[in-house]
Amino acid sequence: MLLDKVKAFAVQLAGARAGAEPVFRGGQAVEGRVLLELAGAARVGALRLRARGRAHVHWTESRTAGSSTAYTQSYSERVEVVSHHATLLAPDAGDTTTLPAGRHEFPFSFQLPLSLVTSFEGKHGSVRYSIKATLHRPWIPSRRARKVFTVIEPVDINSPALLVRGRRWAGEMEGGRVLSVESMGTRWQHSPACVALGKCPAFSEPQMLSQQQ
């Protein structure tokens, strides 16, 4: 069996601090480095980087056909909102290049599209952004490192749509009535994944958890 000489292999983002990763918005440059630490000299075929952003939405609806037939209809859609490929290391000649033992750093940078939705994880879908580095080596399985990063879409809180919605929700909470946190969390009409995909499941208005006292 060939000895794997890779001691460390990771994707690191510029600006990251202990316990805190940088946050991005559309139009910004994402910069960082791929760290490779070798215990001994190693032959490398290539080092490739891929950045990806994907929006995914899925839900099911119960339907009836006739008086006694019931079935469930499933809906699902994926949209790729970020796609970037780069080769960080390629052989000068031949199929491989030999790297000496020690620490090696390979910088990368790419521009995010101007219009991106906020990273999101929910019951009916998600918006995820990630960077994956792949180290190709002869006769040894490829090594992969992945880094998830967060994108936040700036929101104008003074926009008419948000102001109207905020006043309506405030009115619903008057008199001691409390909105269901769970039902508010599933307001997919305005969720990032629905906006990105243009597909939204139909949900009813939030239910009240308590009545006027």
N, C-alpha and C. Protein backbone atom coordinates (compact mmCIF):
# COMPACT_ATOMS: atom_id res chain seq x y z
N MET A 1 0.85 -1.21 0.00
CA MET A 1 0.00 0.00 0.00
C MET A 1 0.88 1.25 0.00
N LEU A 2 0.54 2.21 -0.85
CA LEU A 2 1.30 3.45 -0.92
C LEU A 2 1.01 4.32 0.30
N LEU A 3 2.06 4.96 0.79
CA LEU A 3 1.93 5.79 1.97
C LEU A 3 1.33 7.14 1.59
N ASP A 4 0.28 7.53 2.28
CA ASP A 4 -0.32 8.84 2.07
C ASP A 4 0.48 9.87 2.85
N LYS A 5 1.13 10.77 2.15
CA LYS A 5 2.03 11.73 2.79
C LYS A 5 1.35 13.05 3.13
N VAL A 6 0.04 13.14 2.92
CA VAL A 6 -0.69 14.38 3.23
C VAL A 6 -1.00 14.44 4.72
N LYS A 7 -0.44 15.43 5.40
CA LYS A 7 -0.71 15.62 6.82
C LYS A 7 -1.91 16.53 7.05
N ALA A 8 -2.08 17.51 6.19
CA ALA A 8 -3.21 18.44 6.33
C ALA A 8 -3.63 18.93 4.95
N PHE A 9 -4.94 19.08 4.78
CA PHE A 9 -5.49 19.57 3.52
C PHE A 9 -6.79 20.29 3.85
N ALA A 10 -6.84 21.60 3.62
CA ALA A 10 -8.00 22.38 4.05
C ALA A 10 -8.18 23.61 3.18
N VAL A 11 -9.43 24.09 3.14
CA VAL A 11 -9.77 25.36 2.48
C VAL A 11 -9.93 26.41 3.57
N GLN A 12 -9.21 27.51 3.45
CA GLN A 12 -9.28 28.58 4.44
C GLN A 12 -9.69 29.87 3.76
N LEU A 13 -10.62 30.60 4.37
CA LEU A 13 -11.10 31.87 3.82
C LEU A 13 -10.34 33.04 4.42
N ALA A 14 -10.01 34.02 3.61
CA ALA A 14 -9.36 35.22 4.10
C ALA A 14 -10.30 35.97 5.04
N GLY A 15 -9.75 36.50 6.10
CA GLY A 15 -10.57 37.24 7.06
C GLY A 15 -11.17 36.39 8.15
N ALA A 16 -10.95 35.08 8.10
CA ALA A 16 -11.50 34.20 9.14
C ALA A 16 -10.72 34.38 10.43
N ARG A 17 -11.45 34.38 11.54
CA ARG A 17 -10.83 34.45 12.86
C ARG A 17 -11.31 33.27 13.68
N ALA A 18 -10.68 33.05 14.81
CA ALA A 18 -11.05 31.93 15.66
C ALA A 18 -12.52 32.01 16.03
N GLY A 19 -13.29 31.02 15.63
CA GLY A 19 -14.71 30.96 15.97
C GLY A 19 -15.59 31.86 15.13
N ALA A 20 -15.04 32.54 14.13
CA ALA A 20 -15.85 33.45 13.31
C ALA A 20 -15.38 33.39 11.86
N GLU A 21 -16.29 33.03 10.97
CA GLU A 21 -16.00 32.98 9.55
C GLU A 21 -16.55 34.24 8.88
N PRO A 22 -15.91 34.70 7.79
CA PRO A 22 -16.42 35.89 7.09
C PRO A 22 -17.78 35.63 6.46
N VAL A 23 -18.54 36.69 6.30
CA VAL A 23 -19.85 36.64 5.66
C VAL A 23 -19.80 37.50 4.39
N PHE A 24 -20.42 37.02 3.32
CA PHE A 24 -20.33 37.69 2.02
C PHE A 24 -21.70 38.15 1.54
N ARG A 25 -21.68 39.02 0.56
CA ARG A 25 -22.89 39.43 -0.14
C ARG A 25 -22.61 39.43 -1.64
N GLY A 26 -23.66 39.48 -2.43
CA GLY A 26 -23.51 39.43 -3.87
C GLY A 26 -22.60 40.53 -4.39
N GLY A 27 -21.73 40.20 -5.35
CA GLY A 27 -20.81 41.16 -5.93
C GLY A 27 -19.45 41.21 -5.27
N GLN A 28 -19.31 40.63 -4.09
CA GLN A 28 -18.04 40.64 -3.38
C GLN A 28 -17.09 39.59 -3.94
N ALA A 29 -15.80 39.80 -3.68
CA ALA A 29 -14.78 38.81 -4.02
C ALA A 29 -14.58 37.87 -2.84
N VAL A 30 -14.55 36.60 -3.12
CA VAL A 30 -14.25 35.59 -2.11
C VAL A 30 -12.78 35.21 -2.28
N GLU A 31 -12.00 35.43 -1.24
CA GLU A 31 -10.57 35.14 -1.30
C GLU A 31 -10.19 34.16 -0.20
N GLY A 32 -9.17 33.39 -0.47
CA GLY A 32 -8.70 32.43 0.52
C GLY A 32 -7.51 31.66 -0.01
N ARG A 33 -7.29 30.51 0.59
CA ARG A 33 -6.16 29.67 0.19
C ARG A 33 -6.49 28.22 0.48
N VAL A 34 -5.85 27.35 -0.27
CA VAL A 34 -5.91 25.92 0.01
C VAL A 34 -4.59 25.54 0.66
N LEU A 35 -4.67 24.99 1.85
CA LEU A 35 -3.49 24.61 2.61
C LEU A 35 -3.20 23.13 2.40
N LEU A 36 -1.97 22.82 2.03
CA LEU A 36 -1.53 21.44 1.85
C LEU A 36 -0.23 21.25 2.61
N GLU A 37 -0.22 20.32 3.55
CA GLU A 37 0.98 20.02 4.32
C GLU A 37 1.38 18.57 4.08
N LEU A 38 2.63 18.39 3.66
CA LEU A 38 3.13 17.06 3.30
C LEU A 38 4.20 16.59 4.27
N ALA A 39 4.11 15.31 4.64
CA ALA A 39 5.12 14.71 5.51
C ALA A 39 6.38 14.36 4.74
N GLY A 40 6.26 14.22 3.43
CA GLY A 40 7.40 13.90 2.57
C GLY A 40 7.10 14.34 1.16
N ALA A 41 8.09 14.27 0.29
CA ALA A 41 7.88 14.64 -1.11
C ALA A 41 6.77 13.78 -1.70
N ALA A 42 5.91 14.40 -2.52
CA ALA A 42 4.76 13.68 -3.07
C ALA A 42 4.51 14.12 -4.50
N ARG A 43 4.11 13.18 -5.31
CA ARG A 43 3.73 13.46 -6.70
C ARG A 43 2.25 13.87 -6.73
N VAL A 44 1.98 14.94 -7.43
CA VAL A 44 0.62 15.49 -7.50
C VAL A 44 0.23 15.66 -8.96
N GLY A 45 -0.98 15.21 -9.27
CA GLY A 45 -1.48 15.38 -10.63
C GLY A 45 -2.03 16.77 -10.87
N ALA A 46 -2.89 17.24 -9.97
CA ALA A 46 -3.50 18.58 -10.10
C ALA A 46 -4.21 18.93 -8.81
N LEU A 47 -4.39 20.21 -8.61
CA LEU A 47 -5.19 20.72 -7.50
C LEU A 47 -6.26 21.62 -8.10
N ARG A 48 -7.51 21.22 -7.93
CA ARG A 48 -8.61 21.96 -8.56
C ARG A 48 -9.58 22.47 -7.50
N LEU A 49 -10.20 23.60 -7.81
CA LEU A 49 -11.13 24.26 -6.90
C LEU A 49 -12.47 24.43 -7.59
N ARG A 50 -13.53 24.21 -6.84
CA ARG A 50 -14.88 24.46 -7.36
C ARG A 50 -15.70 25.17 -6.29
N ALA A 51 -16.29 26.30 -6.68
CA ALA A 51 -17.22 27.02 -5.80
C ALA A 51 -18.62 26.85 -6.35
N ARG A 52 -19.56 26.60 -5.45
CA ARG A 52 -20.92 26.31 -5.90
C ARG A 52 -21.93 26.93 -4.94
N GLY A 53 -23.01 27.44 -5.53
CA GLY A 53 -24.16 27.90 -4.76
C GLY A 53 -25.40 27.27 -5.35
N ARG A 54 -26.21 26.63 -4.50
CA ARG A 54 -27.40 25.93 -5.00
C ARG A 54 -28.60 26.26 -4.14
N ALA A 55 -29.71 26.51 -4.82
CA ALA A 55 -31.00 26.70 -4.14
C ALA A 55 -31.86 25.48 -4.44
N HIS A 56 -32.47 24.94 -3.40
CA HIS A 56 -33.27 23.72 -3.53
C HIS A 56 -34.57 23.90 -2.77
N VAL A 57 -35.67 23.57 -3.40
CA VAL A 57 -36.97 23.62 -2.73
C VAL A 57 -37.72 22.32 -3.01
N HIS A 58 -38.41 21.82 -2.01
CA HIS A 58 -39.17 20.58 -2.18
C HIS A 58 -40.33 20.55 -1.18
N TRP A 59 -41.46 20.01 -1.61
CA TRP A 59 -42.60 19.83 -0.71
C TRP A 59 -43.57 18.84 -1.34
N THR A 60 -44.52 18.39 -0.55
CA THR A 60 -45.54 17.46 -1.03
C THR A 60 -46.92 18.02 -0.72
N GLU A 61 -47.88 17.66 -1.56
CA GLU A 61 -49.27 18.06 -1.36
C GLU A 61 -50.17 16.86 -1.54
N SER A 62 -51.14 16.72 -0.66
CA SER A 62 -52.11 15.63 -0.76
C SER A 62 -53.23 16.03 -1.71
N ARG A 63 -53.59 15.12 -2.60
CA ARG A 63 -54.62 15.39 -3.59
C ARG A 63 -55.60 14.23 -3.64
N THR A 64 -56.76 14.51 -4.15
CA THR A 64 -57.77 13.47 -4.31
C THR A 64 -58.22 13.42 -5.76
N ALA A 65 -58.56 12.20 -6.20
CA ALA A 65 -59.09 12.00 -7.56
C ALA A 65 -60.33 11.13 -7.42
N GLY A 66 -61.47 11.77 -7.47
CA GLY A 66 -62.70 11.02 -7.25
C GLY A 66 -63.05 10.96 -5.78
N SER A 67 -63.99 10.13 -5.44
CA SER A 67 -64.50 10.08 -4.07
C SER A 67 -63.63 9.26 -3.14
N SER A 68 -62.85 8.32 -3.65
CA SER A 68 -62.11 7.42 -2.76
C SER A 68 -60.62 7.34 -3.04
N THR A 69 -60.14 7.99 -4.08
CA THR A 69 -58.73 7.89 -4.44
C THR A 69 -57.96 9.09 -3.92
N ALA A 70 -56.91 8.83 -3.14
CA ALA A 70 -56.06 9.90 -2.61
C ALA A 70 -54.61 9.58 -2.96
N TYR A 71 -53.86 10.60 -3.25
CA TYR A 71 -52.45 10.40 -3.57
C TYR A 71 -51.67 11.64 -3.16
N THR A 72 -50.35 11.49 -3.11
CA THR A 72 -49.47 12.60 -2.74
C THR A 72 -48.66 13.03 -3.94
N GLN A 73 -48.67 14.32 -4.20
CA GLN A 73 -47.90 14.89 -5.31
C GLN A 73 -46.65 15.56 -4.74
N SER A 74 -45.49 15.19 -5.26
CA SER A 74 -44.23 15.77 -4.80
C SER A 74 -43.72 16.80 -5.80
N TYR A 75 -43.13 17.87 -5.27
CA TYR A 75 -42.55 18.92 -6.09
C TYR A 75 -41.11 19.15 -5.64
N SER A 76 -40.21 19.32 -6.59
CA SER A 76 -38.81 19.54 -6.25
C SER A 76 -38.13 20.28 -7.40
N GLU A 77 -37.23 21.18 -7.04
CA GLU A 77 -36.49 21.92 -8.06
C GLU A 77 -35.15 22.39 -7.48
N ARG A 78 -34.12 22.41 -8.32
CA ARG A 78 -32.81 22.91 -7.94
C ARG A 78 -32.36 23.96 -8.94
N VAL A 79 -31.69 24.99 -8.43
CA VAL A 79 -31.13 26.03 -9.28
C VAL A 79 -29.71 26.31 -8.81
N GLU A 80 -28.77 26.34 -9.74
CA GLU A 80 -27.38 26.66 -9.40
C GLU A 80 -27.18 28.16 -9.60
N VAL A 81 -26.83 28.86 -8.52
CA VAL A 81 -26.71 30.31 -8.57
C VAL A 81 -25.25 30.77 -8.58
N VAL A 82 -24.33 29.89 -8.20
CA VAL A 82 -22.89 30.17 -8.27
C VAL A 82 -22.19 28.95 -8.84
N SER A 83 -21.31 29.17 -9.81
CA SER A 83 -20.51 28.07 -10.37
C SER A 83 -19.17 28.63 -10.82
N HIS A 84 -18.11 28.22 -10.13
CA HIS A 84 -16.76 28.71 -10.45
C HIS A 84 -15.79 27.54 -10.39
N HIS A 85 -14.95 27.42 -11.41
CA HIS A 85 -13.95 26.36 -11.47
C HIS A 85 -12.57 27.00 -11.66
N ALA A 86 -11.56 26.44 -11.00
CA ALA A 86 -10.19 26.93 -11.16
C ALA A 86 -9.21 25.79 -10.93
N THR A 87 -8.10 25.83 -11.65
CA THR A 87 -7.00 24.88 -11.42
C THR A 87 -5.89 25.63 -10.70
N LEU A 88 -5.61 25.26 -9.46
CA LEU A 88 -4.62 25.95 -8.65
C LEU A 88 -3.22 25.40 -8.84
N LEU A 89 -3.12 24.15 -9.27
CA LEU A 89 -1.81 23.54 -9.52
C LEU A 89 -1.95 22.55 -10.66
N ALA A 90 -1.10 22.71 -11.66
CA ALA A 90 -1.07 21.78 -12.79
C ALA A 90 0.39 21.49 -13.13
N PRO A 91 0.71 20.30 -13.61
CA PRO A 91 2.09 19.95 -13.93
C PRO A 91 2.64 20.84 -15.05
N ASP A 92 3.93 21.23 -14.92
CA ASP A 92 4.57 22.00 -15.98
C ASP A 92 4.78 21.14 -17.22
N ALA A 93 5.08 19.86 -16.99
CA ALA A 93 5.28 18.92 -18.10
C ALA A 93 4.95 17.53 -17.60
N GLY A 94 4.40 16.71 -18.47
CA GLY A 94 4.02 15.36 -18.06
C GLY A 94 2.71 15.35 -17.32
N ASP A 95 2.49 14.26 -16.57
CA ASP A 95 1.22 14.07 -15.89
C ASP A 95 1.24 14.50 -14.43
N THR A 96 2.42 14.62 -13.83
CA THR A 96 2.51 14.95 -12.41
C THR A 96 3.62 15.96 -12.16
N THR A 97 3.56 16.55 -10.98
CA THR A 97 4.64 17.39 -10.49
C THR A 97 4.96 16.93 -9.07
N THR A 98 6.20 17.08 -8.65
CA THR A 98 6.61 16.63 -7.32
C THR A 98 6.74 17.82 -6.39
N LEU A 99 6.02 17.77 -5.28
CA LEU A 99 6.08 18.81 -4.27
C LEU A 99 6.96 18.34 -3.12
N PRO A 100 7.82 19.19 -2.59
CA PRO A 100 8.66 18.79 -1.45
C PRO A 100 7.85 18.72 -0.16
N ALA A 101 8.44 18.09 0.83
CA ALA A 101 7.80 18.02 2.15
C ALA A 101 7.64 19.43 2.71
N GLY A 102 6.62 19.61 3.54
CA GLY A 102 6.40 20.90 4.17
C GLY A 102 5.03 21.47 3.86
N ARG A 103 4.90 22.76 4.12
CA ARG A 103 3.62 23.45 3.99
C ARG A 103 3.55 24.18 2.65
N HIS A 104 2.44 24.00 1.96
CA HIS A 104 2.22 24.66 0.68
C HIS A 104 0.87 25.38 0.72
N GLU A 105 0.84 26.60 0.20
CA GLU A 105 -0.38 27.39 0.17
C GLU A 105 -0.69 27.81 -1.27
N PHE A 106 -1.94 27.64 -1.65
CA PHE A 106 -2.38 27.98 -3.01
C PHE A 106 -3.53 28.98 -2.91
N PRO A 107 -3.26 30.25 -3.21
CA PRO A 107 -4.31 31.28 -3.08
C PRO A 107 -5.36 31.15 -4.18
N PHE A 108 -6.57 31.61 -3.86
CA PHE A 108 -7.64 31.65 -4.85
C PHE A 108 -8.49 32.89 -4.62
N SER A 109 -9.19 33.29 -5.65
CA SER A 109 -10.09 34.44 -5.58
C SER A 109 -11.11 34.32 -6.70
N PHE A 110 -12.37 34.62 -6.39
CA PHE A 110 -13.40 34.65 -7.42
C PHE A 110 -14.48 35.63 -7.00
N GLN A 111 -15.20 36.12 -8.00
CA GLN A 111 -16.22 37.14 -7.77
C GLN A 111 -17.60 36.49 -7.70
N LEU A 112 -18.37 36.87 -6.69
CA LEU A 112 -19.74 36.39 -6.59
C LEU A 112 -20.65 37.19 -7.53
N PRO A 113 -21.69 36.57 -8.08
CA PRO A 113 -22.66 37.33 -8.87
C PRO A 113 -23.30 38.43 -8.03
N LEU A 114 -23.78 39.47 -8.70
CA LEU A 114 -24.34 40.62 -7.98
C LEU A 114 -25.58 40.25 -7.18
N SER A 115 -26.46 39.47 -7.75
CA SER A 115 -27.73 39.15 -7.09
C SER A 115 -27.69 37.74 -6.53
N LEU A 116 -27.56 37.63 -5.22
CA LEU A 116 -27.56 36.34 -4.55
C LEU A 116 -28.49 36.39 -3.36
N VAL A 117 -29.16 35.29 -3.09
CA VAL A 117 -30.06 35.23 -1.95
C VAL A 117 -29.32 34.74 -0.72
N THR A 118 -29.89 34.97 0.44
CA THR A 118 -29.28 34.63 1.71
C THR A 118 -29.18 33.12 1.91
N SER A 119 -28.08 32.69 2.50
CA SER A 119 -27.95 31.29 2.89
C SER A 119 -29.13 30.91 3.77
N PHE A 120 -29.65 29.72 3.56
CA PHE A 120 -30.90 29.35 4.24
C PHE A 120 -30.98 27.84 4.39
N GLU A 121 -31.46 27.38 5.55
CA GLU A 121 -31.74 25.97 5.79
C GLU A 121 -33.14 25.86 6.38
N GLY A 122 -34.01 25.10 5.73
CA GLY A 122 -35.37 24.96 6.23
C GLY A 122 -35.95 23.60 5.94
N LYS A 123 -37.14 23.39 6.44
CA LYS A 123 -37.82 22.10 6.28
C LYS A 123 -38.10 21.80 4.81
N HIS A 124 -38.38 22.82 4.03
CA HIS A 124 -38.81 22.61 2.64
C HIS A 124 -37.77 23.05 1.62
N GLY A 125 -36.56 23.31 2.06
CA GLY A 125 -35.54 23.67 1.08
C GLY A 125 -34.34 24.33 1.71
N SER A 126 -33.42 24.75 0.87
CA SER A 126 -32.18 25.35 1.36
C SER A 126 -31.52 26.18 0.27
N VAL A 127 -30.67 27.09 0.70
CA VAL A 127 -29.75 27.80 -0.18
C VAL A 127 -28.37 27.64 0.44
N ARG A 128 -27.46 26.97 -0.26
CA ARG A 128 -26.16 26.63 0.30
C ARG A 128 -25.04 27.08 -0.63
N TYR A 129 -23.97 27.60 -0.02
CA TYR A 129 -22.78 28.01 -0.76
C TYR A 129 -21.57 27.27 -0.19
N SER A 130 -20.71 26.77 -1.07
CA SER A 130 -19.55 26.02 -0.59
C SER A 130 -18.40 26.08 -1.58
N ILE A 131 -17.21 25.78 -1.08
CA ILE A 131 -15.99 25.69 -1.89
C ILE A 131 -15.39 24.32 -1.65
N LYS A 132 -15.05 23.63 -2.72
CA LYS A 132 -14.44 22.30 -2.60
C LYS A 132 -13.12 22.27 -3.35
N ALA A 133 -12.07 21.80 -2.67
CA ALA A 133 -10.76 21.62 -3.28
C ALA A 133 -10.52 20.12 -3.44
N THR A 134 -9.99 19.72 -4.60
CA THR A 134 -9.71 18.31 -4.87
C THR A 134 -8.26 18.16 -5.28
N LEU A 135 -7.54 17.31 -4.56
CA LEU A 135 -6.14 17.02 -4.84
C LEU A 135 -6.05 15.68 -5.56
N HIS A 136 -5.63 15.73 -6.82
CA HIS A 136 -5.51 14.52 -7.64
C HIS A 136 -4.08 14.00 -7.56
N ARG A 137 -3.94 12.69 -7.26
CA ARG A 137 -2.61 12.08 -7.15
C ARG A 137 -2.61 10.73 -7.86
N PRO A 138 -1.47 10.36 -8.46
CA PRO A 138 -1.41 9.07 -9.15
C PRO A 138 -1.41 7.91 -8.17
N TRP A 139 -2.21 6.91 -8.45
CA TRP A 139 -2.27 5.65 -7.71
C TRP A 139 -2.85 5.78 -6.31
N ILE A 140 -3.29 6.95 -5.94
CA ILE A 140 -3.86 7.18 -4.61
C ILE A 140 -5.20 7.89 -4.79
N PRO A 141 -6.22 7.51 -4.02
CA PRO A 141 -7.51 8.20 -4.13
C PRO A 141 -7.37 9.71 -3.91
N SER A 142 -8.16 10.47 -4.61
CA SER A 142 -8.13 11.93 -4.48
C SER A 142 -8.51 12.35 -3.07
N ARG A 143 -7.89 13.43 -2.62
CA ARG A 143 -8.25 14.02 -1.33
C ARG A 143 -9.12 15.24 -1.59
N ARG A 144 -10.14 15.43 -0.73
CA ARG A 144 -11.06 16.55 -0.90
C ARG A 144 -11.21 17.32 0.41
N ALA A 145 -11.34 18.62 0.27
CA ALA A 145 -11.60 19.49 1.42
C ALA A 145 -12.73 20.43 1.03
N ARG A 146 -13.63 20.67 1.97
CA ARG A 146 -14.82 21.48 1.67
C ARG A 146 -15.00 22.55 2.74
N LYS A 147 -15.38 23.73 2.29
CA LYS A 147 -15.66 24.84 3.19
C LYS A 147 -17.00 25.47 2.80
N VAL A 148 -17.91 25.53 3.75
CA VAL A 148 -19.20 26.19 3.55
C VAL A 148 -19.04 27.66 3.91
N PHE A 149 -19.59 28.56 3.10
CA PHE A 149 -19.54 29.97 3.45
C PHE A 149 -20.95 30.57 3.37
N THR A 150 -21.11 31.67 4.08
CA THR A 150 -22.43 32.29 4.24
C THR A 150 -22.56 33.54 3.38
N VAL A 151 -23.71 33.65 2.73
CA VAL A 151 -24.05 34.84 1.95
C VAL A 151 -25.30 35.46 2.56
N ILE A 152 -25.29 36.77 2.71
CA ILE A 152 -26.45 37.50 3.22
C ILE A 152 -26.86 38.54 2.19
N GLU A 153 -28.13 38.51 1.82
CA GLU A 153 -28.66 39.48 0.87
C GLU A 153 -29.10 40.73 1.62
N PRO A 154 -28.54 41.91 1.28
CA PRO A 154 -28.98 43.13 1.95
C PRO A 154 -30.48 43.37 1.74
N VAL A 155 -31.15 43.77 2.80
CA VAL A 155 -32.59 44.02 2.75
C VAL A 155 -32.87 45.45 3.19
N ASP A 156 -33.63 46.16 2.39
CA ASP A 156 -34.06 47.51 2.74
C ASP A 156 -35.29 47.40 3.64
N ILE A 157 -35.10 47.62 4.94
CA ILE A 157 -36.22 47.45 5.87
C ILE A 157 -37.28 48.54 5.70
N ASN A 158 -36.97 49.57 4.93
CA ASN A 158 -37.95 50.63 4.67
C ASN A 158 -38.74 50.41 3.39
N SER A 159 -38.54 49.26 2.75
CA SER A 159 -39.29 48.99 1.52
C SER A 159 -40.77 48.87 1.84
N PRO A 160 -41.66 49.34 0.96
CA PRO A 160 -43.10 49.30 1.23
C PRO A 160 -43.62 47.91 1.55
N ALA A 161 -43.13 46.89 0.86
CA ALA A 161 -43.64 45.54 1.09
C ALA A 161 -43.35 45.07 2.50
N LEU A 162 -42.13 45.34 2.99
CA LEU A 162 -41.78 44.91 4.34
C LEU A 162 -42.51 45.74 5.39
N LEU A 163 -42.70 47.03 5.13
CA LEU A 163 -43.41 47.86 6.10
C LEU A 163 -44.85 47.42 6.25
N VAL A 164 -45.53 47.12 5.15
CA VAL A 164 -46.92 46.66 5.21
C VAL A 164 -47.00 45.34 5.94
N ARG A 165 -46.09 44.42 5.61
CA ARG A 165 -46.11 43.10 6.25
C ARG A 165 -45.83 43.23 7.75
N GLY A 166 -44.88 44.13 8.11
CA GLY A 166 -44.56 44.30 9.52
C GLY A 166 -45.73 44.85 10.30
N ARG A 167 -46.47 45.82 9.71
CA ARG A 167 -47.63 46.38 10.41
C ARG A 167 -48.72 45.33 10.57
N ARG A 168 -48.88 44.47 9.55
CA ARG A 168 -49.92 43.43 9.65
C ARG A 168 -49.58 42.44 10.75
N TRP A 169 -48.31 42.03 10.83
CA TRP A 169 -47.91 41.08 11.88
C TRP A 169 -48.05 41.72 13.26
N ALA A 170 -47.68 43.02 13.35
CA ALA A 170 -47.81 43.70 14.64
C ALA A 170 -49.27 43.74 15.07
N GLY A 171 -50.18 43.98 14.11
CA GLY A 171 -51.60 44.00 14.43
C GLY A 171 -52.09 42.66 14.90
N GLU A 172 -51.56 41.58 14.34
CA GLU A 172 -51.98 40.24 14.74
C GLU A 172 -51.57 39.92 16.17
N MET A 173 -50.50 40.60 16.64
CA MET A 173 -49.99 40.29 17.97
C MET A 173 -50.60 41.17 19.06
N GLU A 174 -51.41 42.14 18.68
CA GLU A 174 -52.02 43.01 19.69
C GLU A 174 -53.01 42.23 20.54
N GLY A 175 -53.23 42.71 21.75
CA GLY A 175 -54.21 42.10 22.64
C GLY A 175 -53.74 40.79 23.24
N GLY A 176 -52.44 40.57 23.32
CA GLY A 176 -51.92 39.38 23.99
C GLY A 176 -51.88 38.15 23.12
N ARG A 177 -52.22 38.26 21.85
CA ARG A 177 -52.17 37.10 20.97
C ARG A 177 -50.73 36.89 20.48
N VAL A 178 -50.31 35.65 20.38
CA VAL A 178 -48.94 35.33 20.00
C VAL A 178 -48.94 34.50 18.73
N LEU A 179 -48.11 34.86 17.78
CA LEU A 179 -48.00 34.10 16.55
C LEU A 179 -47.18 32.84 16.76
N SER A 180 -47.53 31.79 16.07
CA SER A 180 -46.76 30.55 16.12
C SER A 180 -45.40 30.77 15.47
N VAL A 181 -44.33 30.52 16.22
CA VAL A 181 -42.98 30.68 15.68
C VAL A 181 -42.76 29.72 14.53
N GLU A 182 -43.28 28.50 14.66
CA GLU A 182 -43.08 27.50 13.61
C GLU A 182 -43.76 27.92 12.31
N SER A 183 -44.99 28.43 12.42
CA SER A 183 -45.70 28.82 11.20
C SER A 183 -45.06 30.04 10.56
N MET A 184 -44.52 30.96 11.37
CA MET A 184 -43.82 32.09 10.80
C MET A 184 -42.57 31.63 10.08
N GLY A 185 -41.92 30.59 10.60
CA GLY A 185 -40.71 30.07 9.98
C GLY A 185 -40.96 29.43 8.64
N THR A 186 -42.22 29.08 8.35
CA THR A 186 -42.54 28.44 7.07
C THR A 186 -43.26 29.39 6.12
N ARG A 187 -43.06 30.68 6.29
CA ARG A 187 -43.64 31.66 5.37
C ARG A 187 -42.79 31.69 4.10
N TRP A 188 -43.00 30.68 3.29
CA TRP A 188 -42.14 30.52 2.12
C TRP A 188 -42.45 31.50 1.00
N GLN A 189 -43.55 32.27 1.10
CA GLN A 189 -43.82 33.22 0.03
C GLN A 189 -42.67 34.20 -0.11
N HIS A 190 -41.92 34.45 0.97
CA HIS A 190 -40.85 35.45 0.95
C HIS A 190 -39.50 34.82 1.29
N SER A 191 -39.40 33.51 1.26
CA SER A 191 -38.15 32.85 1.63
C SER A 191 -37.13 32.94 0.51
N PRO A 192 -35.82 32.89 0.83
CA PRO A 192 -34.78 33.00 -0.19
C PRO A 192 -34.87 31.93 -1.26
N ALA A 193 -35.12 30.69 -0.87
CA ALA A 193 -35.15 29.61 -1.87
C ALA A 193 -36.30 29.80 -2.83
N CYS A 194 -37.45 30.24 -2.32
CA CYS A 194 -38.60 30.46 -3.21
C CYS A 194 -38.33 31.60 -4.17
N VAL A 195 -37.71 32.65 -3.68
CA VAL A 195 -37.41 33.78 -4.55
C VAL A 195 -36.44 33.35 -5.64
N ALA A 196 -35.45 32.55 -5.27
CA ALA A 196 -34.45 32.11 -6.24
C ALA A 196 -35.05 31.18 -7.27
N LEU A 197 -35.98 30.34 -6.85
CA LEU A 197 -36.51 29.32 -7.74
C LEU A 197 -37.80 29.73 -8.43
N GLY A 198 -38.50 30.69 -7.85
CA GLY A 198 -39.80 31.05 -8.40
C GLY A 198 -40.85 29.98 -8.18
N LYS A 199 -40.61 29.10 -7.18
CA LYS A 199 -41.56 28.04 -6.87
C LYS A 199 -41.78 28.03 -5.37
N CYS A 200 -43.03 28.08 -4.94
CA CYS A 200 -43.32 28.15 -3.53
C CYS A 200 -44.50 27.26 -3.18
N PRO A 201 -44.38 26.49 -2.11
CA PRO A 201 -45.55 25.75 -1.64
C PRO A 201 -46.56 26.70 -1.03
N ALA A 202 -47.80 26.29 -1.02
CA ALA A 202 -48.87 27.12 -0.46
C ALA A 202 -49.03 26.82 1.02
N PHE A 203 -48.86 27.84 1.86
CA PHE A 203 -49.05 27.68 3.29
C PHE A 203 -50.11 28.66 3.77
N SER A 204 -50.83 28.26 4.79
CA SER A 204 -51.86 29.13 5.35
C SER A 204 -51.22 30.17 6.25
N GLU A 205 -52.00 31.14 6.65
CA GLU A 205 -51.52 32.16 7.56
C GLU A 205 -51.20 31.55 8.91
N PRO A 206 -50.32 32.19 9.70
CA PRO A 206 -49.96 31.65 11.00
C PRO A 206 -51.16 31.47 11.92
N GLN A 207 -51.12 30.44 12.71
CA GLN A 207 -52.17 30.20 13.69
C GLN A 207 -51.80 30.90 15.00
N MET A 208 -52.81 31.25 15.75
CA MET A 208 -52.58 31.89 17.03
C MET A 208 -52.40 30.83 18.12
N LEU A 209 -51.39 31.05 18.95
CA LEU A 209 -51.12 30.08 20.01
C LEU A 209 -51.94 30.36 21.25
N SER A 210 -52.28 31.61 21.47
CA SER A 210 -53.07 31.93 22.65
C SER A 210 -54.09 33.00 22.30
N GLN A 211 -55.14 33.07 23.05
CA GLN A 211 -56.20 34.04 22.81
C GLN A 211 -55.98 35.26 23.69
N GLN A 212 -56.83 36.26 23.48
CA GLN A 212 -56.73 37.45 24.31
C GLN A 212 -56.94 37.08 25.76
N GLN A 213 -56.14 37.70 26.59
CA GLN A 213 -56.24 37.41 28.02
C GLN A 213 -57.27 38.33 28.67
